[in-house]
C-alpha atoms as a PDB file:
ATOM      1  CA  MET A   1     102.364 102.661  96.516  1.00  0.00           C
ATOM      2  CA  SER A   2     104.693 104.809  98.532  1.00  0.00           C
ATOM      3  CA  THR A   3     103.824 103.270 101.897  1.00  0.00           C
ATOM      4  CA  GLN A   4     103.084  99.644 101.239  1.00  0.00           C
ATOM      5  CA  THR A   5     100.873  97.773 103.596  1.00  0.00           C
ATOM      6  CA  PHE A   6      99.481  94.306 103.366  1.00  0.00           C
ATOM      7  CA  SER A   7      96.087  95.694 102.417  1.00  0.00           C
ATOM      8  CA  SER A   8      97.415  97.977  99.663  1.00  0.00           C
ATOM      9  CA  VAL A   9      99.291  95.068  98.099  1.00  0.00           C
ATOM     10  CA  ALA A  10      96.181  92.882  98.385  1.00  0.00           C
ATOM     11  CA  VAL A  11      94.095  95.527  96.609  1.00  0.00           C
ATOM     12  CA  HIS A  12      96.758  95.725  93.883  1.00  0.00           C
ATOM     13  CA  VAL A  13      96.693  91.931  93.430  1.00  0.00           C
ATOM     14  CA  VAL A  14      92.907  91.890  93.172  1.00  0.00           C
ATOM     15  CA  GLY A  15      93.060  94.634  90.540  1.00  0.00           C
ATOM     16  CA  GLN A  16      95.736  92.809  88.544  1.00  0.00           C
ATOM     17  CA  TYR A  17      93.800  89.536  88.542  1.00  0.00           C
ATOM     18  CA  ASN A  18      90.687  91.414  87.491  1.00  0.00           C
ATOM     19  CA  GLU A  19      92.589  92.993  84.613  1.00  0.00           C
ATOM     20  CA  ALA A  20      94.084  89.642  83.593  1.00  0.00           C
ATOM     21  CA  GLY A  21      90.660  88.028  83.628  1.00  0.00           C
ATOM     22  CA  LYS A  22      89.130  90.762  81.505  1.00  0.00           C
ATOM     23  CA  THR A  23      92.056  90.552  79.087  1.00  0.00           C
ATOM     24  CA  LEU A  24      91.570  86.801  78.711  1.00  0.00           C
ATOM     25  CA  VAL A  25      87.845  87.252  78.154  1.00  0.00           C
ATOM     26  CA  SER A  26      88.646  89.813  75.471  1.00  0.00           C
ATOM     27  CA  ALA A  27      91.077  87.371  73.843  1.00  0.00           C
ATOM     28  CA  TYR A  28      88.400  84.676  73.939  1.00  0.00           C
ATOM     29  CA  ARG A  29      85.885  87.047  72.367  1.00  0.00           C
ATOM     30  CA  THR A  30      88.327  88.059  69.631  1.00  0.00           C
ATOM     31  CA  GLY A  31      89.253  84.462  68.837  1.00  0.00           C
ATOM     32  CA  ALA A  32      85.639  83.341  68.754  1.00  0.00           C
ATOM     33  CA  HIS A  33      84.727  86.245  66.444  1.00  0.00           C
ATOM     34  CA  ARG A  34      87.584  85.276  64.119  1.00  0.00           C
ATOM     35  CA  LEU A  35      86.357  81.680  64.139  1.00  0.00           C
ATOM     36  CA  LEU A  36      82.786  82.710  63.440  1.00  0.00           C
ATOM     37  CA  GLY A  37      83.902  85.067  60.678  1.00  0.00           C
ATOM     38  CA  GLY A  38      85.897  82.311  58.988  1.00  0.00           C
ATOM     39  CA  ALA A  39      82.998  79.871  59.250  1.00  0.00           C
ATOM     40  CA  ALA A  40      80.590  82.460  57.894  1.00  0.00           C
ATOM     41  CA  SER A  41      82.777  83.183  54.886  1.00  0.00           C
ATOM     42  CA  ARG A  42      83.150  79.475  54.069  1.00  0.00           C
ATOM     43  CA  LEU A  43      79.527  78.528  54.649  1.00  0.00           C
ATOM     44  CA  SER A  44      77.777  81.592  53.236  1.00  0.00           C
ATOM     45  CA  ALA A  45      78.337  80.369  49.675  1.00  0.00           C
ATOM     46  CA  ARG A  46      76.627  77.059  50.444  1.00  0.00           C
ATOM     47  CA  PHE A  47      73.982  78.015  52.947  1.00  0.00           C
ATOM     48  CA  ALA A  48      71.978  81.206  53.061  1.00  0.00           C
ATOM     49  CA  ALA A  49      71.132  80.719  56.733  1.00  0.00           C
ATOM     50  CA  ALA A  50      74.811  80.539  57.749  1.00  0.00           C
ATOM     51  CA  GLN A  51      75.075  84.324  57.925  1.00  0.00           C
ATOM     52  CA  LYS A  52      72.093  84.531  60.271  1.00  0.00           C
ATOM     53  CA  VAL A  53      73.412  81.758  62.495  1.00  0.00           C
ATOM     54  CA  THR A  54      76.884  83.233  62.795  1.00  0.00           C
ATOM     55  CA  GLY A  55      75.388  86.680  63.408  1.00  0.00           C
ATOM     56  CA  PHE A  56      73.238  85.257  66.196  1.00  0.00           C
ATOM     57  CA  LEU A  57      76.214  83.440  67.731  1.00  0.00           C
ATOM     58  CA  ALA A  58      78.391  86.561  67.536  1.00  0.00           C
ATOM     59  CA  ASN A  59      75.675  88.603  69.243  1.00  0.00           C
ATOM     60  CA  ARG A  60      75.292  85.965  71.987  1.00  0.00           C
ATOM     61  CA  LEU A  61      79.055  85.895  72.423  1.00  0.00           C
ATOM     62  CA  ASP A  62      79.177  89.662  72.939  1.00  0.00           C
ATOM     63  CA  ILE A  63      76.310  89.610  75.425  1.00  0.00           C
ATOM     64  CA  ASP A  64      77.696  86.699  77.434  1.00  0.00           C
ATOM     65  CA  THR A  65      81.265  87.966  77.579  1.00  0.00           C
ATOM     66  CA  SER A  66      80.083  91.425  78.629  1.00  0.00           C
ATOM     67  CA  ARG A  67      78.137  89.768  81.446  1.00  0.00           C
ATOM     68  CA  VAL A  68      81.240  87.863  82.518  1.00  0.00           C
ATOM     69  CA  VAL A  69      83.262  91.084  82.551  1.00  0.00           C
ATOM     70  CA  ALA A  70      80.564  92.841  84.589  1.00  0.00           C
ATOM     71  CA  LEU A  71      80.549  89.957  87.087  1.00  0.00           C
ATOM     72  CA  MET A  72      84.335  90.070  87.357  1.00  0.00           C
ATOM     73  CA  ASP A  73      84.176  93.817  88.038  1.00  0.00           C
ATOM     74  CA  ARG A  74      81.571  93.298  90.764  1.00  0.00           C
ATOM     75  CA  VAL A  75      83.644  90.572  92.443  1.00  0.00           C
ATOM     76  CA  ALA A  76      86.785  92.721  92.282  1.00  0.00           C
ATOM     77  CA  ALA A  77      84.941  95.725  93.694  1.00  0.00           C
ATOM     78  CA  ALA A  78      83.457  93.660  96.534  1.00  0.00           C
ATOM     79  CA  SER A  79      86.864  92.150  97.310  1.00  0.00           C
ATOM     80  CA  THR A  80      88.546  95.546  97.288  1.00  0.00           C
ATOM     81  CA  ASN A  81      85.843  97.033  99.504  1.00  0.00           C
ATOM     82  CA  GLY A  82      86.213  94.117 101.929  1.00  0.00           C
ATOM     83  CA  ILE A  83      89.985  94.506 102.118  1.00  0.00           C
ATOM     84  CA  GLU A  84      89.714  98.262 102.645  1.00  0.00           C
ATOM     85  CA  SER A  85      86.992  97.794 105.247  1.00  0.00           C
ATOM     86  CA  VAL A  86      89.068  95.349 107.282  1.00  0.00           C
ATOM     87  CA  ALA A  87      92.126  97.601 106.980  1.00  0.00           C
ATOM     88  CA  GLY A  88      90.038 100.580 108.135  1.00  0.00           C
ATOM     89  CA  ARG A  89      88.674  98.678 111.118  1.00  0.00           C
ATOM     90  CA  ALA A  90      92.165  97.524 112.058  1.00  0.00           C
ATOM     91  CA  ALA A  91      93.433 101.105 111.889  1.00  0.00           C
ATOM     92  CA  GLN A  92      90.713 102.219 114.321  1.00  0.00           C
ATOM     93  CA  ILE A  93      91.948  99.904 117.050  1.00  0.00           C
ATOM     94  CA  GLU A  94      93.927 102.016 119.488  1.00  0.00           C
ATOM     95  CA  SER A  95      95.294  99.298 121.730  1.00  0.00           C
ATOM     96  CA  PRO A  96      99.105  99.330 121.827  1.00  0.00           C
ATOM     97  CA  VAL A  97      99.183  95.520 121.906  1.00  0.00           C
ATOM     98  CA  ALA A  98      96.918  95.218 118.850  1.00  0.00           C
ATOM     99  CA  THR A  99      98.843  97.910 116.984  1.00  0.00           C
ATOM    100  CA  SER A 100     102.099  96.123 117.700  1.00  0.00           C
ATOM    101  CA  MET A 101     100.566  92.834 116.561  1.00  0.00           C
ATOM    102  CA  PHE A 102      99.289  94.383 113.298  1.00  0.00           C
ATOM    103  CA  LYS A 103     102.686  95.902 112.577  1.00  0.00           C
ATOM    104  CA  THR A 104     104.373  92.562 113.185  1.00  0.00           C
ATOM    105  CA  LEU A 105     101.902  90.687 110.986  1.00  0.00           C
ATOM    106  CA  ASN A 106     102.329  93.317 108.281  1.00  0.00           C
ATOM    107  CA  ALA A 107     106.125  93.015 108.437  1.00  0.00           C
ATOM    108  CA  ILE A 108     105.977  89.221 108.257  1.00  0.00           C
ATOM    109  CA  ASN A 109     103.403  88.962 105.480  1.00  0.00           C
ATOM    110  CA  LEU A 110     104.444  91.928 103.327  1.00  0.00           C
ATOM    111  CA  PRO A 111     107.309  90.119 101.529  1.00  0.00           C
ATOM    112  CA  ILE A 112     104.989  87.243 100.620  1.00  0.00           C
ATOM    113  CA  ALA A 113     102.339  89.706  99.479  1.00  0.00           C
ATOM    114  CA  ASN A 114     104.914  91.494  97.307  1.00  0.00           C
ATOM    115  CA  VAL A 115     105.775  88.183  95.630  1.00  0.00           C
ATOM    116  CA  SER A 116     102.069  87.635  95.011  1.00  0.00           C
ATOM    117  CA  ALA A 117     101.867  91.103  93.475  1.00  0.00           C
ATOM    118  CA  GLN A 118     104.804  90.347  91.184  1.00  0.00           C
ATOM    119  CA  ILE A 119     103.161  87.083  90.124  1.00  0.00           C
ATOM    120  CA  ALA A 120      99.935  88.949  89.397  1.00  0.00           C
ATOM    121  CA  ASP A 121     101.865  91.466  87.287  1.00  0.00           C
ATOM    122  CA  LYS A 122     103.431  88.626  85.265  1.00  0.00           C
ATOM    123  CA  ILE A 123     100.026  87.024  84.787  1.00  0.00           C
ATOM    124  CA  VAL A 124      98.696  90.295  83.391  1.00  0.00           C
ATOM    125  CA  GLU A 125     101.660  90.521  81.002  1.00  0.00           C
ATOM    126  CA  GLY A 126     101.030  86.947  79.849  1.00  0.00           C
ATOM    127  CA  ALA A 127      97.334  87.589  79.361  1.00  0.00           C
ATOM    128  CA  LYS A 128      98.124  90.635  77.237  1.00  0.00           C
ATOM    129  CA  GLN A 129     100.503  88.559  75.115  1.00  0.00           C
ATOM    130  CA  ILE A 130      97.769  85.970  74.611  1.00  0.00           C
ATOM    131  CA  GLU A 131      95.346  88.706  73.594  1.00  0.00           C
ATOM    132  CA  VAL A 132      97.822  90.086  71.039  1.00  0.00           C
ATOM    133  CA  ARG A 133      98.472  86.626  69.660  1.00  0.00           C
ATOM    134  CA  VAL A 134      94.778  85.798  69.326  1.00  0.00           C
ATOM    135  CA  SER A 135      94.031  89.131  67.669  1.00  0.00           C
ATOM    136  CA  GLY A 136      96.314  88.164  64.797  1.00  0.00           C
ATOM    137  CA  VAL A 137      98.572  91.186  65.002  1.00  0.00           C
ATOM    138  CA  ASP A 138     102.082  90.295  63.894  1.00  0.00           C
ATOM    139  CA  LEU A 139     104.715  91.035  66.484  1.00  0.00           C
ATOM    140  CA  PRO A 140     108.186  92.061  65.380  1.00  0.00           C
ATOM    141  CA  LYS A 141     110.307  88.933  65.277  1.00  0.00           C
ATOM    142  CA  ALA A 142     113.787  88.760  66.659  1.00  0.00           C
ATOM    143  CA  VAL A 143     116.532  88.815  64.066  1.00  0.00           C
ATOM    144  CA  ARG A 144     118.585  85.649  64.098  1.00  0.00           C
ATOM    145  CA  THR A 145     122.299  86.003  63.708  1.00  0.00           C
ATOM    146  CA  VAL A 146     124.278  83.326  61.942  1.00  0.00           C
ATOM    147  CA  LYS A 147     127.614  82.606  63.493  1.00  0.00           C
ATOM    148  CA  ALA A 148     130.769  82.108  61.439  1.00  0.00           C
ATOM    149  CA  LYS A 149     131.120  78.485  62.592  1.00  0.00           C
ATOM    150  CA  VAL A 150     127.815  77.592  60.980  1.00  0.00           C
ATOM    151  CA  ARG A 151     128.900  79.136  57.673  1.00  0.00           C
ATOM    152  CA  ALA A 152     132.267  77.359  57.812  1.00  0.00           C
ATOM    153  CA  ALA A 153     130.553  74.017  58.355  1.00  0.00           C
ATOM    154  CA  ALA A 154     128.383  74.551  55.257  1.00  0.00           C
ATOM    155  CA  LYS A 155     131.378  75.093  52.917  1.00  0.00           C
ATOM    156  CA  PRO A 156     132.575  71.454  52.801  1.00  0.00           C
ATOM    157  CA  VAL A 157     129.049  70.352  51.900  1.00  0.00           C
ATOM    158  CA  ARG A 158     128.933  72.829  49.011  1.00  0.00           C
ATOM    159  CA  ARG A 159     132.299  71.649  47.745  1.00  0.00           C
ATOM    160  CA  ALA A 160     131.202  68.023  47.903  1.00  0.00           C
ATOM    161  CA  VAL A 161     128.060  68.846  45.935  1.00  0.00           C
ATOM    162  CA  ARG A 162     130.085  70.708  43.272  1.00  0.00           C
ATOM    163  CA  LYS A 163     132.523  67.811  42.879  1.00  0.00           C
ATOM    164  CA  ALA A 164     129.680  65.340  42.525  1.00  0.00           C
ATOM    165  CA  ALA A 165     128.116  67.414  39.730  1.00  0.00           C
END
């Protein structure tokens, strides 16, 4: 976005929320599949029909979540088209007063729109973290450092235990 306008930021926000929504739906799908897989493995030894039921539920889950994603894409596309249409109509107005008014409104609202875009970016990052967590992939954990003061505090306890023994 080299030349940011209110409409370009709005389109970006719509796209980010669409991506976050699809990411959360994917996380939901993954978690539900894991749940169904665990239930199927526990129940398949007891009930022969458990495999069929979990297979049916997994199939329904895939169909329904793909419909949700398709609906989200349609809403995002309609919103984006609406924003671009209004921006195009506004650009066609050749009145100096209207042009001045649009520039002023853009200057006033652009900082707020940029904050909204940053919030949308953070929401996408959070949704991706949720998806990774639900998928069960282990993330590298931060290495904890033990400070010297903690070690020094443990020494008197060790000495007391040795004397008691």
